[in-house]
Amino acid sequence: MASSYSTDSPFDEAAERVIDLGNRMLDQDSGADTWEIASGLLAGAVQFWLFSRQPCEDPFCESCAMVSTAERRLKALIDEARQLAEDSDYYASPRDINAGSA
């Protein structure tokens, strides 16, 4: 069975699949809470991200330095999430309380 996902990059394909999964879940359950589904998808993504950032066995490994403690992994996760959010088309909304009007 051929994939309908783009092969631009694993990053793009993963993001598209998560969006598709969220949309399918909403389509399958008209009473589903969008926030609950989104939080569940985020929880799974966070778990996988943290799993993928486990440091190697060498405590002096320079490649693992930025993820060598739980606090450093959390900081890296928050920094990456912040950048992804700020790059999103949905970051700012015209209905934001601080949105200006001209």
N, C-alpha and C. Protein backbone atom coordinates (compact mmCIF):
# COMPACT_ATOMS: atom_id res chain seq x y z
N MET A 1 0.84 -1.17 0.00
CA MET A 1 0.00 0.00 0.00
C MET A 1 0.89 1.24 0.00
N ALA A 2 0.69 2.11 -0.95
CA ALA A 2 1.51 3.32 -1.07
C ALA A 2 1.09 4.35 -0.03
N SER A 3 2.07 5.06 0.49
CA SER A 3 1.81 6.11 1.47
C SER A 3 1.32 7.36 0.76
N SER A 4 0.36 8.03 1.36
CA SER A 4 -0.12 9.29 0.80
C SER A 4 0.64 10.48 1.40
N TYR A 5 1.62 10.21 2.23
CA TYR A 5 2.38 11.27 2.88
C TYR A 5 3.57 11.67 2.03
N SER A 6 3.92 12.94 2.13
CA SER A 6 5.06 13.43 1.38
C SER A 6 6.33 12.81 1.94
N THR A 7 7.31 12.73 1.11
CA THR A 7 8.59 12.18 1.55
C THR A 7 9.63 13.29 1.64
N ASP A 8 9.16 14.54 1.85
CA ASP A 8 10.09 15.66 1.98
C ASP A 8 11.10 15.40 3.09
N SER A 9 10.61 15.01 4.24
CA SER A 9 11.49 14.71 5.36
C SER A 9 10.71 13.90 6.39
N PRO A 10 11.41 13.13 7.21
CA PRO A 10 10.71 12.42 8.29
C PRO A 10 9.98 13.38 9.22
N PHE A 11 10.56 14.57 9.45
CA PHE A 11 9.92 15.59 10.29
C PHE A 11 8.55 15.96 9.73
N ASP A 12 8.52 16.30 8.43
CA ASP A 12 7.26 16.70 7.80
C ASP A 12 6.23 15.57 7.81
N GLU A 13 6.69 14.36 7.52
CA GLU A 13 5.78 13.21 7.51
C GLU A 13 5.21 12.95 8.90
N ALA A 14 6.05 13.01 9.93
CA ALA A 14 5.58 12.78 11.29
C ALA A 14 4.55 13.83 11.69
N ALA A 15 4.83 15.10 11.38
CA ALA A 15 3.90 16.18 11.72
C ALA A 15 2.57 15.98 11.00
N GLU A 16 2.62 15.64 9.72
CA GLU A 16 1.39 15.42 8.95
C GLU A 16 0.58 14.26 9.52
N ARG A 17 1.26 13.21 9.92
CA ARG A 17 0.55 12.05 10.47
C ARG A 17 -0.14 12.38 11.80
N VAL A 18 0.50 13.17 12.63
CA VAL A 18 -0.11 13.56 13.90
C VAL A 18 -1.35 14.41 13.64
N ILE A 19 -1.24 15.35 12.72
CA ILE A 19 -2.39 16.18 12.37
C ILE A 19 -3.52 15.32 11.83
N ASP A 20 -3.19 14.39 10.93
CA ASP A 20 -4.21 13.49 10.37
C ASP A 20 -4.86 12.64 11.45
N LEU A 21 -4.06 12.14 12.39
CA LEU A 21 -4.62 11.33 13.47
C LEU A 21 -5.59 12.15 14.31
N GLY A 22 -5.22 13.35 14.67
CA GLY A 22 -6.12 14.21 15.44
C GLY A 22 -7.42 14.47 14.69
N ASN A 23 -7.32 14.77 13.41
CA ASN A 23 -8.51 15.02 12.60
C ASN A 23 -9.39 13.77 12.49
N ARG A 24 -8.77 12.61 12.30
CA ARG A 24 -9.54 11.35 12.23
C ARG A 24 -10.26 11.09 13.54
N MET A 25 -9.59 11.32 14.66
CA MET A 25 -10.22 11.10 15.96
C MET A 25 -11.42 12.02 16.13
N LEU A 26 -11.30 13.27 15.71
CA LEU A 26 -12.42 14.20 15.80
C LEU A 26 -13.56 13.78 14.87
N ASP A 27 -13.21 13.31 13.67
CA ASP A 27 -14.23 12.86 12.71
C ASP A 27 -14.99 11.63 13.22
N GLN A 28 -14.29 10.76 13.94
CA GLN A 28 -14.91 9.52 14.42
C GLN A 28 -15.80 9.74 15.64
N ASP A 29 -15.58 10.80 16.37
CA ASP A 29 -16.37 11.05 17.58
C ASP A 29 -16.78 12.51 17.61
N SER A 30 -18.03 12.76 17.20
CA SER A 30 -18.50 14.15 17.10
C SER A 30 -18.54 14.84 18.46
N GLY A 31 -18.56 14.09 19.55
CA GLY A 31 -18.58 14.68 20.88
C GLY A 31 -17.21 14.80 21.51
N ALA A 32 -16.19 14.46 20.76
CA ALA A 32 -14.83 14.47 21.31
C ALA A 32 -14.40 15.90 21.64
N ASP A 33 -13.64 16.02 22.69
CA ASP A 33 -13.09 17.31 23.11
C ASP A 33 -11.78 17.54 22.36
N THR A 34 -11.74 18.58 21.54
CA THR A 34 -10.56 18.89 20.74
C THR A 34 -9.32 19.07 21.62
N TRP A 35 -9.49 19.78 22.73
CA TRP A 35 -8.35 20.00 23.62
C TRP A 35 -7.84 18.69 24.21
N GLU A 36 -8.75 17.78 24.57
CA GLU A 36 -8.35 16.51 25.16
C GLU A 36 -7.56 15.68 24.15
N ILE A 37 -8.03 15.64 22.91
CA ILE A 37 -7.30 14.92 21.86
C ILE A 37 -5.94 15.55 21.64
N ALA A 38 -5.90 16.87 21.52
CA ALA A 38 -4.63 17.57 21.30
C ALA A 38 -3.65 17.31 22.44
N SER A 39 -4.15 17.34 23.68
CA SER A 39 -3.28 17.08 24.83
C SER A 39 -2.78 15.64 24.83
N GLY A 40 -3.62 14.70 24.42
CA GLY A 40 -3.18 13.31 24.32
C GLY A 40 -2.11 13.12 23.26
N LEU A 41 -2.29 13.76 22.11
CA LEU A 41 -1.28 13.70 21.05
C LEU A 41 0.02 14.32 21.52
N LEU A 42 -0.08 15.45 22.22
CA LEU A 42 1.11 16.11 22.75
C LEU A 42 1.82 15.22 23.78
N ALA A 43 1.04 14.58 24.65
CA ALA A 43 1.63 13.69 25.67
C ALA A 43 2.43 12.57 25.01
N GLY A 44 1.86 11.98 23.97
CA GLY A 44 2.58 10.92 23.25
C GLY A 44 3.83 11.45 22.58
N ALA A 45 3.73 12.63 21.97
CA ALA A 45 4.89 13.23 21.31
C ALA A 45 5.99 13.55 22.31
N VAL A 46 5.60 14.06 23.48
CA VAL A 46 6.59 14.38 24.52
C VAL A 46 7.29 13.11 24.98
N GLN A 47 6.53 12.06 25.20
CA GLN A 47 7.13 10.79 25.63
C GLN A 47 8.14 10.29 24.61
N PHE A 48 7.76 10.33 23.33
CA PHE A 48 8.66 9.85 22.29
C PHE A 48 9.89 10.74 22.18
N TRP A 49 9.69 12.06 22.28
CA TRP A 49 10.81 13.00 22.21
C TRP A 49 11.80 12.73 23.34
N LEU A 50 11.28 12.59 24.56
CA LEU A 50 12.16 12.32 25.71
C LEU A 50 12.88 10.98 25.55
N PHE A 51 12.19 9.97 25.05
CA PHE A 51 12.81 8.67 24.79
C PHE A 51 13.96 8.82 23.80
N SER A 52 13.74 9.62 22.76
CA SER A 52 14.75 9.78 21.71
C SER A 52 15.96 10.59 22.16
N ARG A 53 15.83 11.31 23.27
CA ARG A 53 16.92 12.17 23.74
C ARG A 53 17.65 11.59 24.95
N GLN A 54 17.55 10.31 25.18
CA GLN A 54 18.28 9.70 26.29
C GLN A 54 19.78 9.75 26.00
N PRO A 55 20.58 10.18 26.97
CA PRO A 55 22.02 10.24 26.74
C PRO A 55 22.63 8.84 26.64
N CYS A 56 23.76 8.77 25.98
CA CYS A 56 24.45 7.49 25.85
C CYS A 56 25.11 7.11 27.18
N GLU A 57 25.82 6.02 27.18
CA GLU A 57 26.44 5.52 28.42
C GLU A 57 27.68 6.30 28.84
N ASP A 58 28.24 7.11 27.95
CA ASP A 58 29.45 7.87 28.25
C ASP A 58 29.08 9.18 28.94
N PRO A 59 29.35 9.33 30.25
CA PRO A 59 28.97 10.55 30.96
C PRO A 59 29.69 11.81 30.47
N PHE A 60 30.74 11.64 29.69
CA PHE A 60 31.51 12.77 29.17
C PHE A 60 31.29 13.01 27.68
N CYS A 61 30.27 12.39 27.13
CA CYS A 61 29.97 12.50 25.70
C CYS A 61 29.55 13.93 25.38
N GLU A 62 30.30 14.57 24.50
CA GLU A 62 29.99 15.95 24.12
C GLU A 62 28.68 16.04 23.35
N SER A 63 28.36 15.04 22.55
CA SER A 63 27.13 15.06 21.76
C SER A 63 25.90 14.99 22.65
N CYS A 64 26.03 14.39 23.82
CA CYS A 64 24.90 14.23 24.73
C CYS A 64 24.84 15.29 25.82
N ALA A 65 25.78 16.21 25.83
CA ALA A 65 25.87 17.19 26.92
C ALA A 65 24.57 17.96 27.13
N MET A 66 23.90 18.37 26.05
CA MET A 66 22.70 19.20 26.22
C MET A 66 21.49 18.40 26.70
N VAL A 67 21.60 17.06 26.75
CA VAL A 67 20.50 16.23 27.25
C VAL A 67 20.98 15.27 28.34
N SER A 68 22.06 15.65 29.02
CA SER A 68 22.68 14.74 29.98
C SER A 68 21.99 14.67 31.34
N THR A 69 21.01 15.53 31.56
CA THR A 69 20.21 15.47 32.80
C THR A 69 18.74 15.67 32.43
N ALA A 70 17.87 15.28 33.34
CA ALA A 70 16.44 15.48 33.10
C ALA A 70 16.12 16.95 32.90
N GLU A 71 16.74 17.82 33.68
CA GLU A 71 16.48 19.25 33.57
C GLU A 71 16.94 19.80 32.22
N ARG A 72 18.08 19.32 31.74
CA ARG A 72 18.58 19.76 30.44
C ARG A 72 17.68 19.26 29.31
N ARG A 73 17.19 18.02 29.43
CA ARG A 73 16.26 17.50 28.42
C ARG A 73 14.98 18.33 28.41
N LEU A 74 14.47 18.66 29.58
CA LEU A 74 13.25 19.45 29.66
C LEU A 74 13.47 20.83 29.04
N LYS A 75 14.60 21.46 29.33
CA LYS A 75 14.90 22.77 28.75
C LYS A 75 14.96 22.66 27.23
N ALA A 76 15.63 21.64 26.70
CA ALA A 76 15.73 21.46 25.25
C ALA A 76 14.35 21.24 24.64
N LEU A 77 13.51 20.46 25.33
CA LEU A 77 12.15 20.21 24.86
C LEU A 77 11.34 21.50 24.83
N ILE A 78 11.40 22.27 25.88
CA ILE A 78 10.65 23.53 25.96
C ILE A 78 11.15 24.51 24.90
N ASP A 79 12.46 24.60 24.72
CA ASP A 79 13.01 25.50 23.70
C ASP A 79 12.54 25.10 22.31
N GLU A 80 12.56 23.80 22.02
CA GLU A 80 12.11 23.33 20.70
C GLU A 80 10.61 23.55 20.52
N ALA A 81 9.83 23.26 21.56
CA ALA A 81 8.38 23.47 21.49
C ALA A 81 8.05 24.95 21.29
N ARG A 82 8.77 25.82 21.98
CA ARG A 82 8.54 27.26 21.83
C ARG A 82 8.81 27.69 20.39
N GLN A 83 9.92 27.23 19.82
CA GLN A 83 10.26 27.61 18.44
C GLN A 83 9.22 27.08 17.46
N LEU A 84 8.79 25.84 17.64
CA LEU A 84 7.77 25.27 16.75
C LEU A 84 6.46 26.04 16.87
N ALA A 85 6.10 26.41 18.09
CA ALA A 85 4.86 27.17 18.30
C ALA A 85 4.96 28.54 17.63
N GLU A 86 6.07 29.22 17.83
CA GLU A 86 6.22 30.55 17.25
C GLU A 86 6.26 30.52 15.73
N ASP A 87 6.70 29.41 15.15
CA ASP A 87 6.74 29.26 13.70
C ASP A 87 5.38 28.83 13.12
N SER A 88 4.46 28.45 13.97
CA SER A 88 3.16 27.95 13.54
C SER A 88 2.24 29.05 13.02
N ASP A 89 1.44 28.70 12.03
CA ASP A 89 0.42 29.63 11.52
C ASP A 89 -0.63 29.93 12.58
N TYR A 90 -0.73 29.07 13.59
CA TYR A 90 -1.76 29.20 14.62
C TYR A 90 -1.25 29.86 15.89
N TYR A 91 -0.01 30.33 15.89
CA TYR A 91 0.56 30.92 17.11
C TYR A 91 -0.22 32.14 17.56
N ALA A 92 -0.43 33.07 16.66
CA ALA A 92 -1.20 34.27 16.99
C ALA A 92 -2.58 34.16 16.35
N SER A 93 -3.57 34.60 17.09
CA SER A 93 -4.93 34.55 16.61
C SER A 93 -5.52 35.96 16.66
N PRO A 94 -6.35 36.30 15.69
CA PRO A 94 -6.99 37.62 15.74
C PRO A 94 -7.89 37.77 16.97
N ARG A 95 -8.24 36.65 17.60
CA ARG A 95 -9.09 36.71 18.80
C ARG A 95 -8.27 36.74 20.09
N ASP A 96 -6.94 36.76 19.98
CA ASP A 96 -6.11 36.89 21.17
C ASP A 96 -6.46 38.18 21.89
N ILE A 97 -6.45 38.14 23.20
CA ILE A 97 -6.83 39.32 23.99
C ILE A 97 -5.89 40.49 23.74
N ASN A 98 -4.65 40.19 23.33
CA ASN A 98 -3.69 41.27 23.10
C ASN A 98 -3.53 41.61 21.62
N ALA A 99 -4.43 41.08 20.77
CA ALA A 99 -4.35 41.39 19.34
C ALA A 99 -4.78 42.83 19.11
N GLY A 100 -3.98 43.53 18.34
CA GLY A 100 -4.30 44.93 18.04
C GLY A 100 -5.31 45.04 16.92
N SER A 101 -5.93 46.16 16.83
CA SER A 101 -6.83 46.42 15.72
C SER A 101 -6.51 47.78 15.16
N ALA A 102 -6.49 47.83 13.85
CA ALA A 102 -6.15 49.11 13.21
C ALA A 102 -7.29 49.59 12.37
